[in-house]
Amino acid sequence: MKALIALLLAATPVAAQEYIIGDAKVIDGRTIEVSGTTVRLIGVDTGPDTQERLEWYLRGMHIYCDLFGGTITDFDREIPLGTCYVGGHGMPGRDIALMLIYFGFALDCPRYSGGRYTQFEQPVDIPRSARCQPDPFIARSGPLRRTDIK
């Protein structure tokens, strides 16, 4: 019996790290590095000037990132997806993606955020990228009609 329990414990996978804390380095407008781990901000579609503004916003700030276990492939690398906060982990944190969208530096990407940030979007001249176009099969109201399929 003890051997069986030991075998089961050895075969049980270790849970993935659920969060990381540290200082941030901005990679691009939607990707940051926190404590040596690259994290893609989930649910945000950024514009061309977002990287500069994000660098300014995060300068000297302590970052807390919730990782979801999902990844995105970017240039043959798997990058973890997460929601990152300035502050957080025991103190009130400000969602970085929400702040970018609220101040008009980015748009919500409803395909990945589930529309969580849509209400905070500002009228801006940022074209929504193809990967962030609303998915008619996910974000829709009412039954699917034959005319909806193209």
N, C-alpha and C. Protein backbone atom coordinates (compact mmCIF):
# COMPACT_ATOMS: atom_id res chain seq x y z
N MET A 1 0.82 -1.20 0.00
CA MET A 1 0.00 0.00 0.00
C MET A 1 0.86 1.26 0.00
N LYS A 2 1.91 1.27 0.85
CA LYS A 2 2.80 2.43 0.90
C LYS A 2 3.50 2.63 -0.45
N ALA A 3 3.85 1.53 -1.10
CA ALA A 3 4.52 1.63 -2.40
C ALA A 3 3.57 2.24 -3.43
N LEU A 4 2.29 1.88 -3.38
CA LEU A 4 1.30 2.42 -4.30
C LEU A 4 1.12 3.93 -4.09
N ILE A 5 1.04 4.35 -2.83
CA ILE A 5 0.90 5.76 -2.51
C ILE A 5 2.13 6.53 -2.98
N ALA A 6 3.32 5.99 -2.73
CA ALA A 6 4.56 6.64 -3.16
C ALA A 6 4.59 6.77 -4.68
N LEU A 7 4.14 5.74 -5.39
CA LEU A 7 4.11 5.77 -6.85
C LEU A 7 3.13 6.83 -7.36
N LEU A 8 1.96 6.91 -6.73
CA LEU A 8 0.98 7.92 -7.14
C LEU A 8 1.48 9.34 -6.88
N LEU A 9 2.13 9.54 -5.75
CA LEU A 9 2.67 10.87 -5.43
C LEU A 9 3.77 11.26 -6.40
N ALA A 10 4.59 10.30 -6.78
CA ALA A 10 5.69 10.58 -7.72
C ALA A 10 5.14 10.89 -9.10
N ALA A 11 4.01 10.29 -9.47
CA ALA A 11 3.44 10.49 -10.80
C ALA A 11 2.57 11.74 -10.89
N THR A 12 2.23 12.33 -9.75
CA THR A 12 1.38 13.53 -9.74
C THR A 12 2.20 14.72 -10.21
N PRO A 13 1.74 15.43 -11.25
CA PRO A 13 2.51 16.58 -11.72
C PRO A 13 2.48 17.71 -10.70
N VAL A 14 3.56 18.44 -10.65
CA VAL A 14 3.66 19.59 -9.77
C VAL A 14 2.85 20.72 -10.40
N ALA A 15 2.07 21.42 -9.62
CA ALA A 15 1.24 22.51 -10.14
C ALA A 15 2.13 23.62 -10.70
N ALA A 16 1.70 24.20 -11.80
CA ALA A 16 2.45 25.30 -12.41
C ALA A 16 2.39 26.52 -11.49
N GLN A 17 3.41 27.34 -11.60
CA GLN A 17 3.43 28.56 -10.81
C GLN A 17 2.24 29.41 -11.21
N GLU A 18 1.49 29.88 -10.26
CA GLU A 18 0.26 30.60 -10.54
C GLU A 18 0.45 32.11 -10.59
N TYR A 19 1.53 32.62 -10.04
CA TYR A 19 1.77 34.06 -10.08
C TYR A 19 3.27 34.32 -9.99
N ILE A 20 3.64 35.52 -10.43
CA ILE A 20 5.02 35.98 -10.27
C ILE A 20 4.98 37.42 -9.79
N ILE A 21 6.01 37.80 -9.07
CA ILE A 21 6.10 39.14 -8.50
C ILE A 21 7.49 39.68 -8.78
N GLY A 22 7.58 40.95 -9.10
CA GLY A 22 8.89 41.56 -9.29
C GLY A 22 8.81 42.85 -10.08
N ASP A 23 9.96 43.30 -10.49
CA ASP A 23 10.04 44.51 -11.31
C ASP A 23 9.84 44.12 -12.77
N ALA A 24 9.32 45.05 -13.56
CA ALA A 24 8.99 44.74 -14.95
C ALA A 24 9.94 45.39 -15.92
N LYS A 25 10.19 44.68 -17.00
CA LYS A 25 10.91 45.21 -18.16
C LYS A 25 9.95 45.08 -19.33
N VAL A 26 9.71 46.16 -20.06
CA VAL A 26 8.76 46.14 -21.16
C VAL A 26 9.45 45.57 -22.40
N ILE A 27 8.84 44.54 -23.00
CA ILE A 27 9.36 43.93 -24.22
C ILE A 27 8.72 44.62 -25.43
N ASP A 28 7.39 44.71 -25.43
CA ASP A 28 6.65 45.48 -26.43
C ASP A 28 5.38 45.98 -25.75
N GLY A 29 4.46 46.52 -26.50
CA GLY A 29 3.27 47.14 -25.91
C GLY A 29 2.35 46.21 -25.16
N ARG A 30 2.49 44.90 -25.35
CA ARG A 30 1.62 43.95 -24.65
C ARG A 30 2.38 42.80 -24.01
N THR A 31 3.70 42.90 -23.98
CA THR A 31 4.52 41.85 -23.39
C THR A 31 5.51 42.47 -22.42
N ILE A 32 5.57 41.91 -21.22
CA ILE A 32 6.52 42.39 -20.22
C ILE A 32 7.30 41.20 -19.67
N GLU A 33 8.42 41.51 -19.06
CA GLU A 33 9.22 40.49 -18.39
C GLU A 33 9.22 40.82 -16.90
N VAL A 34 8.80 39.87 -16.09
CA VAL A 34 8.74 40.06 -14.64
C VAL A 34 9.57 38.96 -13.99
N SER A 35 10.58 39.35 -13.25
CA SER A 35 11.46 38.40 -12.57
C SER A 35 11.99 37.32 -13.52
N GLY A 36 12.38 37.74 -14.72
CA GLY A 36 12.95 36.80 -15.68
C GLY A 36 11.96 36.00 -16.48
N THR A 37 10.65 36.16 -16.24
CA THR A 37 9.61 35.44 -16.98
C THR A 37 8.89 36.41 -17.90
N THR A 38 8.85 36.06 -19.19
CA THR A 38 8.12 36.88 -20.16
C THR A 38 6.64 36.55 -20.06
N VAL A 39 5.79 37.59 -19.98
CA VAL A 39 4.35 37.41 -19.83
C VAL A 39 3.64 38.27 -20.88
N ARG A 40 2.69 37.67 -21.59
CA ARG A 40 1.85 38.41 -22.53
C ARG A 40 0.59 38.84 -21.79
N LEU A 41 0.30 40.14 -21.81
CA LEU A 41 -0.92 40.65 -21.18
C LEU A 41 -2.11 40.11 -21.96
N ILE A 42 -3.01 39.48 -21.27
CA ILE A 42 -4.15 38.84 -21.93
C ILE A 42 -5.26 39.86 -22.15
N GLY A 43 -5.86 39.84 -23.35
CA GLY A 43 -7.04 40.64 -23.62
C GLY A 43 -6.80 42.06 -24.04
N VAL A 44 -5.59 42.38 -24.52
CA VAL A 44 -5.29 43.75 -24.90
C VAL A 44 -4.71 43.78 -26.32
N ASP A 45 -5.18 44.73 -27.11
CA ASP A 45 -4.72 44.94 -28.48
C ASP A 45 -4.10 46.33 -28.52
N THR A 46 -2.79 46.39 -28.68
CA THR A 46 -2.07 47.65 -28.49
C THR A 46 -1.81 48.39 -29.79
N GLY A 47 -1.58 49.69 -29.64
CA GLY A 47 -1.26 50.56 -30.76
C GLY A 47 0.24 50.76 -30.87
N PRO A 48 0.68 51.58 -31.83
CA PRO A 48 2.10 51.75 -32.09
C PRO A 48 2.88 52.48 -30.99
N ASP A 49 2.25 53.35 -30.22
CA ASP A 49 2.96 54.11 -29.19
C ASP A 49 2.85 53.49 -27.80
N THR A 50 2.26 52.34 -27.72
CA THR A 50 1.98 51.76 -26.40
C THR A 50 3.23 51.39 -25.64
N GLN A 51 4.27 50.91 -26.31
CA GLN A 51 5.48 50.49 -25.61
C GLN A 51 6.10 51.62 -24.80
N GLU A 52 6.23 52.80 -25.41
CA GLU A 52 6.80 53.96 -24.69
C GLU A 52 5.95 54.31 -23.47
N ARG A 53 4.66 54.34 -23.66
CA ARG A 53 3.77 54.71 -22.56
C ARG A 53 3.78 53.68 -21.45
N LEU A 54 3.86 52.39 -21.84
CA LEU A 54 3.92 51.33 -20.84
C LEU A 54 5.23 51.39 -20.06
N GLU A 55 6.34 51.70 -20.74
CA GLU A 55 7.62 51.85 -20.05
C GLU A 55 7.55 52.98 -19.03
N TRP A 56 6.92 54.09 -19.43
CA TRP A 56 6.78 55.21 -18.50
C TRP A 56 5.91 54.82 -17.31
N TYR A 57 4.79 54.15 -17.58
CA TYR A 57 3.84 53.79 -16.53
C TYR A 57 4.44 52.80 -15.53
N LEU A 58 5.24 51.85 -16.01
CA LEU A 58 5.76 50.79 -15.14
C LEU A 58 7.11 51.11 -14.53
N ARG A 59 7.71 52.24 -14.89
CA ARG A 59 9.04 52.57 -14.38
C ARG A 59 9.06 52.59 -12.85
N GLY A 60 9.89 51.73 -12.28
CA GLY A 60 10.06 51.68 -10.83
C GLY A 60 8.91 51.04 -10.06
N MET A 61 7.95 50.44 -10.76
CA MET A 61 6.80 49.85 -10.10
C MET A 61 7.01 48.36 -9.82
N HIS A 62 6.40 47.89 -8.75
CA HIS A 62 6.41 46.47 -8.40
C HIS A 62 5.20 45.82 -9.07
N ILE A 63 5.41 44.72 -9.77
CA ILE A 63 4.37 44.09 -10.59
C ILE A 63 4.01 42.72 -10.01
N TYR A 64 2.73 42.41 -10.08
CA TYR A 64 2.19 41.11 -9.68
C TYR A 64 1.42 40.56 -10.88
N CYS A 65 1.76 39.36 -11.35
CA CYS A 65 1.08 38.77 -12.50
C CYS A 65 0.42 37.45 -12.13
N ASP A 66 -0.88 37.34 -12.42
CA ASP A 66 -1.60 36.07 -12.32
C ASP A 66 -1.41 35.34 -13.64
N LEU A 67 -0.84 34.15 -13.59
CA LEU A 67 -0.66 33.35 -14.79
C LEU A 67 -1.80 32.35 -14.90
N PHE A 68 -2.28 32.12 -16.10
CA PHE A 68 -3.45 31.28 -16.32
C PHE A 68 -3.13 29.88 -16.77
N GLY A 69 -1.87 29.58 -17.00
CA GLY A 69 -1.50 28.26 -17.49
C GLY A 69 -1.54 28.17 -19.00
N GLY A 70 -2.15 29.15 -19.67
CA GLY A 70 -2.17 29.17 -21.13
C GLY A 70 -0.94 29.87 -21.67
N THR A 71 -0.62 29.58 -22.91
CA THR A 71 0.51 30.23 -23.56
C THR A 71 0.12 30.67 -24.96
N ILE A 72 0.93 31.53 -25.53
CA ILE A 72 0.77 31.95 -26.91
C ILE A 72 2.12 31.73 -27.58
N THR A 73 2.10 31.27 -28.82
CA THR A 73 3.34 31.05 -29.56
C THR A 73 3.71 32.32 -30.29
N ASP A 74 4.92 32.80 -30.05
CA ASP A 74 5.40 34.02 -30.67
C ASP A 74 6.84 33.77 -31.11
N PHE A 75 7.07 33.76 -32.42
CA PHE A 75 8.40 33.49 -32.96
C PHE A 75 8.97 32.19 -32.40
N ASP A 76 8.17 31.14 -32.44
CA ASP A 76 8.56 29.80 -32.00
C ASP A 76 8.88 29.71 -30.52
N ARG A 77 8.38 30.64 -29.71
CA ARG A 77 8.54 30.56 -28.26
C ARG A 77 7.16 30.53 -27.63
N GLU A 78 7.02 29.76 -26.58
CA GLU A 78 5.77 29.72 -25.82
C GLU A 78 5.84 30.78 -24.73
N ILE A 79 4.95 31.77 -24.80
CA ILE A 79 4.93 32.85 -23.81
C ILE A 79 3.69 32.69 -22.94
N PRO A 80 3.86 32.66 -21.61
CA PRO A 80 2.70 32.54 -20.72
C PRO A 80 1.77 33.74 -20.82
N LEU A 81 0.47 33.49 -20.69
CA LEU A 81 -0.54 34.54 -20.68
C LEU A 81 -0.88 34.89 -19.24
N GLY A 82 -1.12 36.18 -18.98
CA GLY A 82 -1.47 36.55 -17.63
C GLY A 82 -2.10 37.93 -17.54
N THR A 83 -2.69 38.19 -16.40
CA THR A 83 -3.19 39.51 -16.07
C THR A 83 -2.22 40.07 -15.04
N CYS A 84 -1.65 41.23 -15.33
CA CYS A 84 -0.63 41.80 -14.46
C CYS A 84 -1.14 43.09 -13.83
N TYR A 85 -0.68 43.31 -12.61
CA TYR A 85 -1.14 44.44 -11.82
C TYR A 85 0.06 45.23 -11.30
N VAL A 86 -0.11 46.55 -11.22
CA VAL A 86 0.85 47.38 -10.51
C VAL A 86 0.41 47.31 -9.06
N GLY A 87 1.31 46.90 -8.18
CA GLY A 87 0.93 46.64 -6.79
C GLY A 87 0.40 45.23 -6.72
N GLY A 88 -0.72 45.04 -6.08
CA GLY A 88 -1.33 43.71 -6.00
C GLY A 88 -0.69 42.84 -4.94
N HIS A 89 -1.11 41.59 -4.88
CA HIS A 89 -0.65 40.58 -3.92
C HIS A 89 -0.67 41.12 -2.49
N GLY A 90 -1.86 41.32 -1.98
CA GLY A 90 -2.01 41.79 -0.60
C GLY A 90 -2.28 43.28 -0.51
N MET A 91 -2.15 43.99 -1.63
CA MET A 91 -2.49 45.41 -1.64
C MET A 91 -3.27 45.69 -2.92
N PRO A 92 -4.05 46.76 -2.94
CA PRO A 92 -4.85 47.02 -4.13
C PRO A 92 -3.97 47.15 -5.36
N GLY A 93 -4.29 46.39 -6.39
CA GLY A 93 -3.51 46.44 -7.62
C GLY A 93 -4.32 47.05 -8.74
N ARG A 94 -3.62 47.69 -9.68
CA ARG A 94 -4.26 48.27 -10.85
C ARG A 94 -3.92 47.39 -12.04
N ASP A 95 -4.93 46.87 -12.71
CA ASP A 95 -4.78 46.02 -13.88
C ASP A 95 -4.10 46.82 -14.99
N ILE A 96 -2.95 46.36 -15.45
CA ILE A 96 -2.18 47.10 -16.45
C ILE A 96 -2.93 47.18 -17.77
N ALA A 97 -3.53 46.08 -18.22
CA ALA A 97 -4.29 46.08 -19.47
C ALA A 97 -5.46 47.06 -19.39
N LEU A 98 -6.16 47.07 -18.25
CA LEU A 98 -7.28 47.99 -18.06
C LEU A 98 -6.80 49.44 -18.15
N MET A 99 -5.68 49.75 -17.53
CA MET A 99 -5.17 51.11 -17.56
C MET A 99 -4.80 51.53 -18.99
N LEU A 100 -4.18 50.62 -19.76
CA LEU A 100 -3.83 50.94 -21.15
C LEU A 100 -5.08 51.24 -21.97
N ILE A 101 -6.12 50.45 -21.77
CA ILE A 101 -7.37 50.63 -22.52
C ILE A 101 -8.10 51.88 -22.05
N TYR A 102 -8.18 52.08 -20.74
CA TYR A 102 -8.91 53.22 -20.18
C TYR A 102 -8.32 54.55 -20.65
N PHE A 103 -6.99 54.63 -20.75
CA PHE A 103 -6.35 55.88 -21.16
C PHE A 103 -6.18 55.99 -22.67
N GLY A 104 -6.73 55.03 -23.43
CA GLY A 104 -6.76 55.14 -24.88
C GLY A 104 -5.49 54.71 -25.59
N PHE A 105 -4.64 53.92 -24.93
CA PHE A 105 -3.40 53.45 -25.55
C PHE A 105 -3.57 52.07 -26.17
N ALA A 106 -4.72 51.44 -25.96
CA ALA A 106 -4.96 50.09 -26.45
C ALA A 106 -6.46 49.85 -26.55
N LEU A 107 -6.82 48.73 -27.16
CA LEU A 107 -8.21 48.30 -27.28
C LEU A 107 -8.39 46.96 -26.59
N ASP A 108 -9.63 46.67 -26.24
CA ASP A 108 -9.95 45.35 -25.69
C ASP A 108 -9.82 44.33 -26.82
N CYS A 109 -9.38 43.16 -26.48
CA CYS A 109 -9.31 42.04 -27.43
C CYS A 109 -10.32 41.00 -26.93
N PRO A 110 -11.60 41.17 -27.30
CA PRO A 110 -12.65 40.35 -26.71
C PRO A 110 -12.49 38.85 -26.95
N ARG A 111 -11.79 38.48 -27.99
CA ARG A 111 -11.57 37.05 -28.24
C ARG A 111 -10.82 36.40 -27.09
N TYR A 112 -9.92 37.16 -26.44
CA TYR A 112 -9.13 36.61 -25.34
C TYR A 112 -9.56 37.11 -23.97
N SER A 113 -10.19 38.29 -23.91
CA SER A 113 -10.59 38.82 -22.61
C SER A 113 -12.02 38.45 -22.25
N GLY A 114 -12.78 37.95 -23.24
CA GLY A 114 -14.19 37.68 -23.00
C GLY A 114 -15.00 38.97 -22.93
N GLY A 115 -14.43 40.08 -23.41
CA GLY A 115 -15.12 41.36 -23.37
C GLY A 115 -15.01 42.09 -22.05
N ARG A 116 -14.09 41.64 -21.20
CA ARG A 116 -13.94 42.20 -19.86
C ARG A 116 -13.63 43.70 -19.89
N TYR A 117 -12.89 44.16 -20.92
CA TYR A 117 -12.46 45.55 -20.95
C TYR A 117 -13.25 46.43 -21.93
N THR A 118 -14.19 45.87 -22.67
CA THR A 118 -14.89 46.61 -23.72
C THR A 118 -15.51 47.90 -23.22
N GLN A 119 -16.11 47.87 -22.05
CA GLN A 119 -16.78 49.06 -21.53
C GLN A 119 -15.82 50.21 -21.22
N PHE A 120 -14.52 49.92 -21.14
CA PHE A 120 -13.53 50.95 -20.81
C PHE A 120 -12.83 51.53 -22.03
N GLU A 121 -13.15 51.02 -23.23
CA GLU A 121 -12.51 51.51 -24.44
C GLU A 121 -12.84 52.98 -24.69
N GLN A 122 -11.86 53.69 -25.20
CA GLN A 122 -12.00 55.10 -25.56
C GLN A 122 -12.05 55.21 -27.08
N PRO A 123 -12.65 56.27 -27.61
CA PRO A 123 -12.61 56.45 -29.07
C PRO A 123 -11.19 56.83 -29.50
N VAL A 124 -10.49 55.88 -30.11
CA VAL A 124 -9.10 56.09 -30.53
C VAL A 124 -8.92 55.64 -31.98
N ASP A 125 -7.81 56.05 -32.57
CA ASP A 125 -7.51 55.70 -33.96
C ASP A 125 -6.57 54.50 -34.04
N ILE A 126 -6.79 53.51 -33.22
CA ILE A 126 -5.98 52.29 -33.26
C ILE A 126 -6.77 51.25 -34.04
N PRO A 127 -6.23 50.75 -35.15
CA PRO A 127 -6.97 49.70 -35.87
C PRO A 127 -6.94 48.40 -35.08
N ARG A 128 -8.08 47.75 -34.99
CA ARG A 128 -8.15 46.47 -34.27
C ARG A 128 -7.50 45.40 -35.14
N SER A 129 -6.53 44.68 -34.58
CA SER A 129 -5.83 43.66 -35.35
C SER A 129 -6.77 42.50 -35.67
N ALA A 130 -6.39 41.74 -36.69
CA ALA A 130 -7.23 40.62 -37.14
C ALA A 130 -7.46 39.60 -36.04
N ARG A 131 -6.44 39.36 -35.20
CA ARG A 131 -6.59 38.35 -34.14
C ARG A 131 -7.54 38.80 -33.04
N CYS A 132 -7.87 40.09 -33.02
CA CYS A 132 -8.75 40.60 -31.97
C CYS A 132 -10.13 41.01 -32.48
N GLN A 133 -10.43 40.65 -33.70
CA GLN A 133 -11.79 40.89 -34.20
C GLN A 133 -12.75 40.02 -33.39
N PRO A 134 -13.92 40.53 -33.07
CA PRO A 134 -14.87 39.71 -32.32
C PRO A 134 -15.18 38.41 -33.05
N ASP A 135 -15.18 37.32 -32.32
CA ASP A 135 -15.48 36.01 -32.89
C ASP A 135 -17.00 35.83 -32.88
N PRO A 136 -17.63 35.68 -34.04
CA PRO A 136 -19.10 35.59 -34.07
C PRO A 136 -19.65 34.37 -33.35
N PHE A 137 -18.82 33.38 -33.09
CA PHE A 137 -19.30 32.18 -32.41
C PHE A 137 -19.14 32.27 -30.90
N ILE A 138 -18.39 33.26 -30.41
CA ILE A 138 -18.19 33.40 -28.97
C ILE A 138 -19.03 34.55 -28.42
N ALA A 139 -18.82 35.74 -28.96
CA ALA A 139 -19.48 36.93 -28.43
C ALA A 139 -20.67 37.28 -29.31
N ARG A 140 -21.78 36.67 -29.08
CA ARG A 140 -22.96 36.98 -29.87
C ARG A 140 -24.20 36.84 -28.99
N SER A 141 -25.24 37.50 -29.40
CA SER A 141 -26.50 37.36 -28.68
C SER A 141 -27.51 36.71 -29.61
N GLY A 142 -28.28 35.84 -29.08
CA GLY A 142 -29.31 35.16 -29.88
C GLY A 142 -28.76 33.93 -30.58
N PRO A 143 -29.65 33.19 -31.22
CA PRO A 143 -29.23 31.95 -31.87
C PRO A 143 -28.45 32.23 -33.15
N LEU A 144 -27.59 31.29 -33.52
CA LEU A 144 -26.81 31.39 -34.74
C LEU A 144 -27.73 31.20 -35.94
N ARG A 145 -27.65 32.12 -36.90
CA ARG A 145 -28.46 32.03 -38.11
C ARG A 145 -27.57 31.66 -39.28
N ARG A 146 -28.16 31.06 -40.29
CA ARG A 146 -27.40 30.65 -41.46
C ARG A 146 -26.71 31.84 -42.13
N THR A 147 -27.30 33.01 -42.08
CA THR A 147 -26.71 34.21 -42.71
C THR A 147 -25.47 34.70 -41.96
N ASP A 148 -25.25 34.21 -40.71
CA ASP A 148 -24.08 34.62 -39.94
C ASP A 148 -22.81 33.90 -40.40
N ILE A 149 -22.95 32.80 -41.12
CA ILE A 149 -21.81 32.00 -41.54
C ILE A 149 -21.35 32.48 -42.90
N LYS A 150 -20.09 32.80 -43.01
CA LYS A 150 -19.53 33.31 -44.28
C LYS A 150 -18.51 32.36 -44.83
